[in-house]
């Protein structure tokens, strides 16, 4: 999931009674909810390094065990610094609650990241297999709306705070309302939901019950995620039946979410030799329909195998979930185009890399 979702979930947790367990509880939850994304620094290097590093070590079980200890240590150090700077007997942090909050915040991060089609290597560094939840799109406006409710309604009336929330609401609304991917119904529902939050914030009647609001918001997020995960499984079942009726063999299937529309699933089907692309739309008359022409998977010929051994594509090679291979002859040898059918069929999507080989199958 995106950093906004992680931050808002951490903030929502802080608005429950958890935020009153110890001083620095809110800071701890916010930091812990984002801590595994320390590997995002790889995105500023190059694409291959990013694919090799992202959602690996810092998202695996070892990091889940170790990061909370580091965060707790940082918070204890911050507490000592706070005491020195304030020069007065401020209430000290409680170590056990601080450790509990650190673990809770860190754990929330891989749980959310697992839910989309990009995946996560949950067992790192002991096993670098990818795991996929296929339930939420990587940027989900409904998670934003639900997770921000308690935070927005609880905020002070300070001019700076109100200004920051207006900027945040404007930026998120611009992202959702100005693109061609979000359906018009979702845009209208977003405006309605945002309007309700603004109205409740102006009214101010829920500020005394923010802890209850936060708990109900988190429960609503859980119900929403569960329904999305169930929807993906239902879509898989429907597509299997459709494929059987069409006589199309099936090896593997992915039913993933689409932006802002919980009633639609984007389906990739891997057959013995081809990929098929379908859409399940429960609100349409024809609930299942092809969306793109099928494409050949391609054979792992000696040329392709030589390309897959290229040192500079090992991150991509291991990251791919639905790989395709295309070989083109050139004057100097071969060019192998390797793609991931999850994203490469979309304009500007991830998952396509080219490897040049000479006639002896050496990487150029």
Protein backbone atom coordinates (compact mmCIF):
# COMPACT_ATOMS: atom_id res chain seq x y z
CA UNK A 1 0.00 0.00 0.00
CA UNK A 2 1.00 3.64 -0.35
CA UNK A 3 2.62 5.62 2.51
CA UNK A 4 -0.58 7.63 3.07
CA UNK A 5 -2.54 4.47 3.89
CA UNK A 6 0.15 3.18 6.25
CA UNK A 7 0.36 6.54 8.03
CA UNK A 8 -3.41 6.88 8.41
CA UNK A 9 -3.78 3.36 9.79
CA UNK A 10 -1.06 4.10 12.33
CA UNK A 11 -2.78 7.37 13.22
CA UNK A 12 -6.14 5.61 13.61
CA UNK A 13 -4.58 3.10 15.99
CA UNK A 14 -3.21 6.04 17.97
CA UNK A 15 -6.70 7.54 18.30
CA UNK A 16 -7.92 4.46 20.14
CA UNK A 17 -6.99 3.88 23.76
CA UNK A 18 -3.62 2.64 22.53
CA UNK A 19 -2.58 6.25 22.09
CA UNK A 20 -2.94 6.81 25.83
CA UNK A 21 -0.85 3.86 26.99
CA UNK A 22 2.36 5.86 27.26
CA UNK A 23 3.89 9.20 26.22
CA UNK A 24 5.15 9.14 22.62
CA UNK A 25 2.57 6.46 21.74
CA UNK A 26 1.34 8.34 18.66
CA UNK A 27 4.84 9.02 17.37
CA UNK A 28 5.73 5.36 17.93
CA UNK A 29 2.72 4.06 16.00
CA UNK A 30 3.28 6.46 13.09
CA UNK A 31 6.97 5.59 12.84
CA UNK A 32 6.39 1.86 13.22
CA UNK A 33 3.59 1.80 10.62
CA UNK A 34 6.03 3.19 8.03
CA UNK A 35 9.32 1.66 9.20
CA UNK A 36 9.46 -1.32 6.78
CA UNK A 37 9.41 1.14 3.87
CA UNK A 38 12.97 2.15 4.71
CA UNK A 39 13.86 0.02 1.67
CA UNK A 40 12.15 2.68 -0.51
CA UNK A 41 15.56 4.33 -0.76
CA UNK A 42 16.26 1.74 -3.48
CA UNK A 43 13.72 3.52 -5.70
CA UNK A 44 16.16 6.43 -5.99
CA UNK A 45 18.87 4.15 -7.39
CA UNK A 46 17.73 2.18 -10.43
CA UNK A 47 14.77 0.07 -11.45
CA UNK A 48 16.55 -3.27 -11.14
CA UNK A 49 17.89 -2.54 -7.68
CA UNK A 50 14.43 -1.40 -6.61
CA UNK A 51 12.79 -4.64 -7.79
CA UNK A 52 15.53 -6.68 -6.12
CA UNK A 53 15.30 -4.87 -2.76
CA UNK A 54 11.72 -3.63 -2.34
CA UNK A 55 9.39 -5.59 -0.07
CA UNK A 56 12.13 -8.00 0.87
CA UNK A 57 14.38 -7.87 3.93
CA UNK A 58 12.60 -4.98 5.65
CA UNK A 59 9.18 -6.58 5.11
CA UNK A 60 10.08 -10.12 6.18
CA UNK A 61 9.68 -11.96 9.46
CA UNK A 62 13.17 -11.06 10.69
CA UNK A 63 12.48 -7.34 10.22
CA UNK A 64 9.08 -7.72 11.90
CA UNK A 65 10.92 -9.12 14.90
CA UNK A 66 13.82 -6.65 14.94
CA UNK A 67 12.40 -3.30 13.76
CA UNK A 68 10.12 -2.85 16.82
CA UNK A 69 13.16 -3.26 19.09
CA UNK A 70 15.00 -0.55 17.16
CA UNK A 71 11.98 1.77 17.23
CA UNK A 72 11.52 1.23 20.96
CA UNK A 73 15.17 2.11 21.50
CA UNK A 74 14.76 5.27 19.43
CA UNK A 75 11.70 6.30 21.42
CA UNK A 76 13.49 5.74 24.72
CA UNK A 77 16.34 7.90 23.42
CA UNK A 78 13.85 10.56 22.29
CA UNK A 79 12.25 10.46 25.75
CA UNK A 80 15.63 11.06 27.39
CA UNK A 81 16.31 13.93 25.00
CA UNK A 82 12.88 15.36 25.77
CA UNK A 83 13.69 15.27 29.47
CA UNK A 84 17.02 17.05 28.92
CA UNK A 85 15.54 19.76 26.69
CA UNK A 86 12.42 20.44 28.77
CA UNK A 87 14.42 20.53 32.00
CA UNK A 88 11.47 19.27 34.00
CA UNK A 89 10.04 16.02 35.25
CA UNK A 90 7.98 15.01 32.24
CA UNK A 91 6.13 11.70 32.48
CA UNK A 92 8.57 9.02 31.28
CA UNK A 93 7.65 6.48 28.64
CA UNK A 94 6.60 3.00 29.73
CA UNK A 95 8.83 0.41 28.08
CA UNK A 96 6.41 -2.51 27.73
CA UNK A 97 3.56 -0.50 26.15
CA UNK A 98 6.10 1.18 23.88
CA UNK A 99 7.35 -2.20 22.68
CA UNK A 100 3.78 -3.43 22.18
CA UNK A 101 2.90 -0.39 20.07
CA UNK A 102 6.07 -0.78 18.02
CA UNK A 103 5.22 -4.39 17.18
CA UNK A 104 1.61 -3.52 16.38
CA UNK A 105 2.60 -0.66 14.08
CA UNK A 106 5.30 -2.64 12.26
CA UNK A 107 3.00 -5.65 11.83
CA UNK A 108 0.30 -3.49 10.24
CA UNK A 109 2.66 -2.61 7.39
CA UNK A 110 3.32 -6.05 5.80
CA UNK A 111 -0.30 -7.02 6.44
CA UNK A 112 -1.43 -4.14 4.22
CA UNK A 113 1.31 -4.64 1.62
CA UNK A 114 0.43 -8.32 1.26
CA UNK A 115 -3.08 -7.35 0.16
CA UNK A 116 -2.22 -6.14 -3.37
CA UNK A 117 -0.98 -7.84 -6.53
CA UNK A 118 2.61 -6.54 -6.26
CA UNK A 119 3.23 -8.94 -3.41
CA UNK A 120 5.60 -9.24 -0.48
CA UNK A 121 8.44 -11.58 0.50
CA UNK A 122 7.12 -12.33 3.96
CA UNK A 123 9.67 -15.02 4.88
CA UNK A 124 12.79 -13.00 4.11
CA UNK A 125 15.68 -13.51 4.65
CA UNK A 126 15.06 -17.24 5.05
CA UNK A 127 12.93 -17.69 1.93
CA UNK A 128 12.47 -15.12 -0.84
CA UNK A 129 9.17 -16.41 -2.20
CA UNK A 130 6.53 -13.79 -3.05
CA UNK A 131 3.08 -13.85 -1.45
CA UNK A 132 0.03 -12.08 -2.91
CA UNK A 133 -3.30 -11.13 -1.36
CA UNK A 134 -4.87 -9.79 -4.59
CA UNK A 135 -7.46 -7.88 -2.53
CA UNK A 136 -6.63 -4.15 -2.64
CA UNK A 137 -5.28 -1.84 -5.30
CA UNK A 138 -1.98 -0.30 -4.21
CA UNK A 139 -3.71 3.10 -3.79
CA UNK A 140 -7.18 2.64 -2.32
CA UNK A 141 -9.22 5.82 -1.67
CA UNK A 142 -11.69 3.97 0.56
CA UNK A 143 -8.89 2.98 2.94
CA UNK A 144 -7.85 6.66 2.97
CA UNK A 145 -11.40 7.79 3.72
CA UNK A 146 -12.05 5.27 6.49
CA UNK A 147 -8.63 5.58 8.13
CA UNK A 148 -8.69 9.38 8.10
CA UNK A 149 -12.09 9.74 9.77
CA UNK A 150 -10.99 9.56 13.41
CA UNK A 151 -7.85 11.60 12.72
CA UNK A 152 -9.76 14.40 10.98
CA UNK A 153 -12.59 14.53 13.50
CA UNK A 154 -10.21 14.60 16.46
CA UNK A 155 -7.93 17.33 15.22
CA UNK A 156 -7.61 20.67 16.96
CA UNK A 157 -9.06 23.92 15.67
CA UNK A 158 -5.62 25.47 15.19
CA UNK A 159 -5.28 27.36 11.91
CA UNK A 160 -2.16 25.39 10.95
CA UNK A 161 -3.90 22.05 11.45
CA UNK A 162 -6.96 23.08 9.48
CA UNK A 163 -4.75 24.36 6.67
CA UNK A 164 -2.82 21.08 6.52
CA UNK A 165 -6.03 19.05 6.33
CA UNK A 166 -7.42 21.29 3.59
CA UNK A 167 -4.20 20.79 1.60
CA UNK A 168 -4.32 17.02 2.17
CA UNK A 169 -7.98 16.82 1.16
CA UNK A 170 -7.32 18.90 -1.94
CA UNK A 171 -4.32 16.84 -3.01
CA UNK A 172 -6.06 13.48 -2.51
CA UNK A 173 -9.23 14.70 -4.21
CA UNK A 174 -7.22 15.99 -7.16
CA UNK A 175 -5.55 12.60 -7.54
CA UNK A 176 -8.88 10.77 -7.47
CA UNK A 177 -11.08 13.17 -9.41
CA UNK A 178 -8.77 14.19 -12.27
CA UNK A 179 -7.75 10.77 -13.61
CA UNK A 180 -9.53 8.70 -16.25
CA UNK A 181 -9.21 5.41 -14.35
CA UNK A 182 -11.53 6.17 -11.44
CA UNK A 183 -15.19 5.61 -12.47
CA UNK A 184 -17.59 8.51 -12.17
CA UNK A 185 -19.62 6.69 -9.48
CA UNK A 186 -16.50 6.36 -7.32
CA UNK A 187 -15.71 10.06 -7.79
CA UNK A 188 -19.21 11.00 -6.64
CA UNK A 189 -18.99 8.67 -3.66
CA UNK A 190 -15.61 10.13 -2.72
CA UNK A 191 -17.07 13.66 -2.76
CA UNK A 192 -20.01 12.48 -0.64
CA UNK A 193 -17.74 10.78 1.89
CA UNK A 194 -15.41 13.76 2.08
CA UNK A 195 -18.37 16.09 2.47
CA UNK A 196 -19.69 14.01 5.38
CA UNK A 197 -16.30 14.17 7.11
CA UNK A 198 -16.16 17.93 6.67
CA UNK A 199 -19.71 18.30 8.00
CA UNK A 200 -18.98 16.13 11.05
CA UNK A 201 -15.75 18.04 11.66
CA UNK A 202 -17.56 21.38 11.62
CA UNK A 203 -20.29 20.01 13.89
CA UNK A 204 -17.72 18.73 16.39
CA UNK A 205 -20.12 16.45 18.22
CA UNK A 206 -17.91 13.36 17.91
CA UNK A 207 -14.72 14.79 19.34
CA UNK A 208 -15.56 13.45 22.81
CA UNK A 209 -15.94 9.92 21.36
CA UNK A 210 -12.91 9.78 19.08
CA UNK A 211 -11.68 6.51 20.54
CA UNK A 212 -14.97 4.84 19.58
CA UNK A 213 -14.86 6.44 16.12
CA UNK A 214 -11.33 5.12 15.60
CA UNK A 215 -12.29 1.59 16.65
CA UNK A 216 -15.32 1.59 14.36
CA UNK A 217 -13.23 2.96 11.49
CA UNK A 218 -10.65 0.19 11.94
CA UNK A 219 -13.43 -2.40 12.09
CA UNK A 220 -14.91 -0.93 8.89
CA UNK A 221 -11.49 -1.22 7.23
CA UNK A 222 -11.29 -4.87 8.31
CA UNK A 223 -14.76 -5.59 6.91
CA UNK A 224 -13.91 -3.79 3.66
CA UNK A 225 -10.64 -5.69 3.24
CA UNK A 226 -12.35 -9.00 4.02
CA UNK A 227 -15.07 -8.32 1.47
CA UNK A 228 -12.49 -7.39 -1.16
CA UNK A 229 -10.51 -10.58 -0.51
CA UNK A 230 -13.70 -12.63 -0.67
CA UNK A 231 -14.67 -10.87 -3.90
CA UNK A 232 -11.39 -11.87 -5.53
CA UNK A 233 -11.98 -15.50 -4.58
CA UNK A 234 -15.53 -15.36 -5.96
CA UNK A 235 -14.19 -13.86 -9.20
CA UNK A 236 -11.69 -16.71 -9.49
CA UNK A 237 -14.45 -19.28 -9.10
CA UNK A 238 -16.62 -17.58 -11.72
CA UNK A 239 -13.74 -17.32 -14.19
CA UNK A 240 -12.82 -20.99 -13.73
CA UNK A 241 -16.39 -21.93 -14.62
CA UNK A 242 -16.34 -19.56 -17.62
CA UNK A 243 -13.03 -20.99 -18.85
CA UNK A 244 -14.33 -24.54 -18.50
CA UNK A 245 -17.39 -23.65 -20.59
CA UNK A 246 -15.15 -22.02 -23.23
CA UNK A 247 -12.80 -25.01 -23.30
CA UNK A 248 -9.77 -22.94 -22.26
CA UNK A 249 -7.27 -24.85 -20.07
CA UNK A 250 -6.08 -23.20 -16.88
CA UNK A 251 -2.73 -23.41 -15.08
CA UNK A 252 -2.81 -20.32 -12.85
CA UNK A 253 -5.13 -17.38 -12.25
CA UNK A 254 -5.01 -13.95 -10.63
CA UNK A 255 -8.13 -11.92 -9.88
CA UNK A 256 -6.86 -8.53 -8.82
CA UNK A 257 -8.57 -5.27 -7.83
CA UNK A 258 -8.91 -2.19 -10.04
CA UNK A 259 -8.65 1.45 -8.91
CA UNK A 260 -11.51 2.65 -6.68
CA UNK A 261 -14.09 0.12 -7.92
CA UNK A 262 -14.77 -2.78 -5.52
CA UNK A 263 -17.25 -4.37 -7.94
CA UNK A 264 -14.69 -5.15 -10.66
CA UNK A 265 -11.76 -7.56 -10.86
CA UNK A 266 -8.93 -7.62 -13.39
CA UNK A 267 -8.17 -11.25 -14.20
CA UNK A 268 -5.01 -12.78 -15.66
CA UNK A 269 -5.28 -16.42 -16.70
CA UNK A 270 -2.22 -18.50 -17.48
CA UNK A 271 -2.90 -21.39 -19.81
CA UNK A 272 -0.36 -23.92 -21.09
CA UNK A 273 0.89 -21.60 -23.85
CA UNK A 274 -0.97 -18.27 -23.60
CA UNK A 275 -2.19 -15.61 -21.19
CA UNK A 276 -5.82 -14.52 -21.28
CA UNK A 277 -7.10 -11.22 -19.87
CA UNK A 278 -10.62 -10.92 -18.53
CA UNK A 279 -12.71 -8.56 -16.46
CA UNK A 280 -15.31 -9.57 -13.89
CA UNK A 281 -17.86 -6.80 -13.35
CA UNK A 282 -20.71 -7.77 -11.04
CA UNK A 283 -22.73 -4.69 -12.00
CA UNK A 284 -22.63 -5.38 -15.74
CA UNK A 285 -25.06 -7.47 -17.76
CA UNK A 286 -22.19 -9.64 -19.02
CA UNK A 287 -20.27 -10.13 -15.83
CA UNK A 288 -17.26 -11.78 -17.51
CA UNK A 289 -15.71 -10.48 -20.70
CA UNK A 290 -12.26 -10.43 -22.36
CA UNK A 291 -10.45 -7.10 -22.07
CA UNK A 292 -7.33 -7.65 -24.20
CA UNK A 293 -6.20 -10.13 -26.84
CA UNK A 294 -4.44 -13.19 -25.47
CA UNK A 295 -0.65 -13.25 -25.75
CA UNK A 296 1.84 -16.08 -26.10
CA UNK A 297 3.90 -16.95 -23.05
CA UNK A 298 6.87 -17.94 -25.17
CA UNK A 299 9.22 -20.88 -24.86
CA UNK A 300 12.25 -20.99 -22.60
CA UNK A 301 14.53 -21.62 -25.52
CA UNK A 302 18.35 -21.58 -25.10
CA UNK A 303 18.26 -17.92 -26.19
CA UNK A 304 15.71 -17.03 -23.49
CA UNK A 305 17.57 -19.04 -20.86
CA UNK A 306 20.77 -17.17 -21.69
CA UNK A 307 18.91 -13.85 -21.32
CA UNK A 308 17.48 -14.93 -17.97
CA UNK A 309 21.02 -15.50 -16.70
CA UNK A 310 21.96 -11.87 -17.40
CA UNK A 311 23.26 -10.41 -14.10
CA UNK A 312 21.50 -7.08 -14.55
CA UNK A 313 17.95 -8.57 -14.64
CA UNK A 314 18.02 -10.92 -11.65
CA UNK A 315 15.77 -8.63 -9.62
CA UNK A 316 13.18 -8.55 -12.40
CA UNK A 317 13.51 -12.28 -13.03
CA UNK A 318 12.64 -13.20 -9.48
CA UNK A 319 9.94 -10.53 -9.16
CA UNK A 320 7.96 -11.69 -12.21
CA UNK A 321 4.74 -13.56 -11.54
CA UNK A 322 3.36 -14.03 -15.08
CA UNK A 323 6.44 -13.86 -17.35
CA UNK A 324 6.38 -13.71 -21.13
CA UNK A 325 9.33 -14.19 -23.47
CA UNK A 326 9.74 -12.81 -26.98
CA UNK A 327 12.87 -13.27 -29.10
CA UNK A 328 13.81 -10.99 -31.99
CA UNK A 329 16.80 -11.53 -34.26
CA UNK A 330 19.14 -8.59 -34.80
CA UNK A 331 22.22 -8.05 -36.92
CA UNK A 332 24.41 -8.65 -33.86
CA UNK A 333 22.48 -11.60 -32.44
CA UNK A 334 19.23 -11.51 -30.50
CA UNK A 335 17.08 -9.22 -28.43
CA UNK A 336 14.97 -10.91 -25.78
CA UNK A 337 11.94 -9.01 -24.44
CA UNK A 338 10.88 -10.23 -21.01
CA UNK A 339 7.61 -8.95 -19.55
CA UNK A 340 5.26 -9.53 -16.64
CA UNK A 341 1.67 -9.80 -17.83
CA UNK A 342 0.35 -8.25 -14.61
CA UNK A 343 1.47 -4.75 -15.55
CA UNK A 344 3.26 -4.66 -18.90
CA UNK A 345 0.02 -4.55 -20.95
CA UNK A 346 -0.84 -1.16 -19.42
CA UNK A 347 0.76 2.01 -20.84
CA UNK A 348 3.73 2.89 -18.66
CA UNK A 349 3.30 -0.29 -16.63
CA UNK A 350 6.04 -2.17 -14.83
CA UNK A 351 7.48 -5.45 -15.91
CA UNK A 352 9.23 -5.13 -19.29
CA UNK A 353 12.97 -5.44 -19.82
CA UNK A 354 15.15 -6.08 -22.88
CA UNK A 355 18.31 -8.15 -23.02
CA UNK A 356 20.70 -8.01 -25.99
CA UNK A 357 22.71 -11.16 -26.82
CA UNK A 358 25.35 -11.83 -29.43
CA UNK A 359 25.32 -14.90 -31.69
CA UNK A 360 27.17 -16.89 -29.01
CA UNK A 361 24.43 -15.95 -26.50
CA UNK A 362 26.67 -13.68 -24.48
CA UNK A 363 25.05 -10.64 -22.89
CA UNK A 364 26.01 -7.45 -24.72
